[in-house]
Amino acid sequence: MVERVQTGIPGLDEIIGGGFPRNSNILVSGGPGAGKTIFALQYIYGGAALYSEPGVFITLEEPASNILWNLQNFGWDYNSVADAMKIFRVRVASPQKFRANWINEVENIINLVTKIEATRVAIDSLTALVKYLGAVPLVGGETRGIWAYDPSEVDFYLYYLLDKLKELGVTTVLTSAAPDERLRFSTFGVEEFIADGVIRLYFIPPHRAIFIRKMRGTRHSNRVHPLAITEKGLQVYAHDEILWEALK
């Protein structure tokens, strides 16, 4: 029997067999405006507010003030869950300094997860994390800020964090930017291979949609479902379907 983690997103649990498998890594990818950050926030806030599951929201791109604004925009009362929902800002300097300091950052994250006994973590975004962990200077490029991407640099640093979280029994959501192509699920092509589940969000103005690419250990819908950003957050319409041909 697979133990489930309820997502806090109306309609989503219905199409993934009751929730995320506990202690899994879930990649949520999509283009600009698709709702990735809202998804991650709703997962962490819902855990604290609805299910008594503390969580940590890790941000590489947004200051904490923007995260709090997003919460307020949906009427989510952060003050009521402040002890059970923590926001952790990963500081980004140069890629070289970022990688050199990464182990310390991971220890800070793990200490915070342990302190509040968090069972949920969201990382926004994995794209930024992979970019900085995999950045290597071109010849003579370090002083001029010219960098290339080397995937061989990523594995150790990324898995160091994810393995630590798995050891603690944490269920993690990782957001990732994805190109416009409907069957592309990440920027660098490596992100989806570290995940136990892959969820793709689509935004073809004014419409949004959600597709479950994979979810290990559970049956899930193979259809594309409508998705909406309401005044209370994301809403999945589990009983409705969108044709693939519409995702162009």
Foldseek 3Di string as FASTA:
>chain_A
DFDADAQQAAQPCVFWVRHARWLFEEEEEEAPPLAQLLSLLSRQLCCQPPPVAAEEEEEAPDDPVVVVVVCVQLPHDCVVRVLRYYYHYQDDDALVVSQVCLVVVLVVVLVVCVVSVHQEYEYPAVAVVQCSQQWDADVVRPVVVHTDGDNVSRVVSVVVNSVSSSVSRHYYYHYAYFDLPPPTQHDPNCVVVRGQWYKYWYCDPPWIWIATPHRPPTHGDRFIWTWDQDSNTIHTPNVDGDDPVVSD
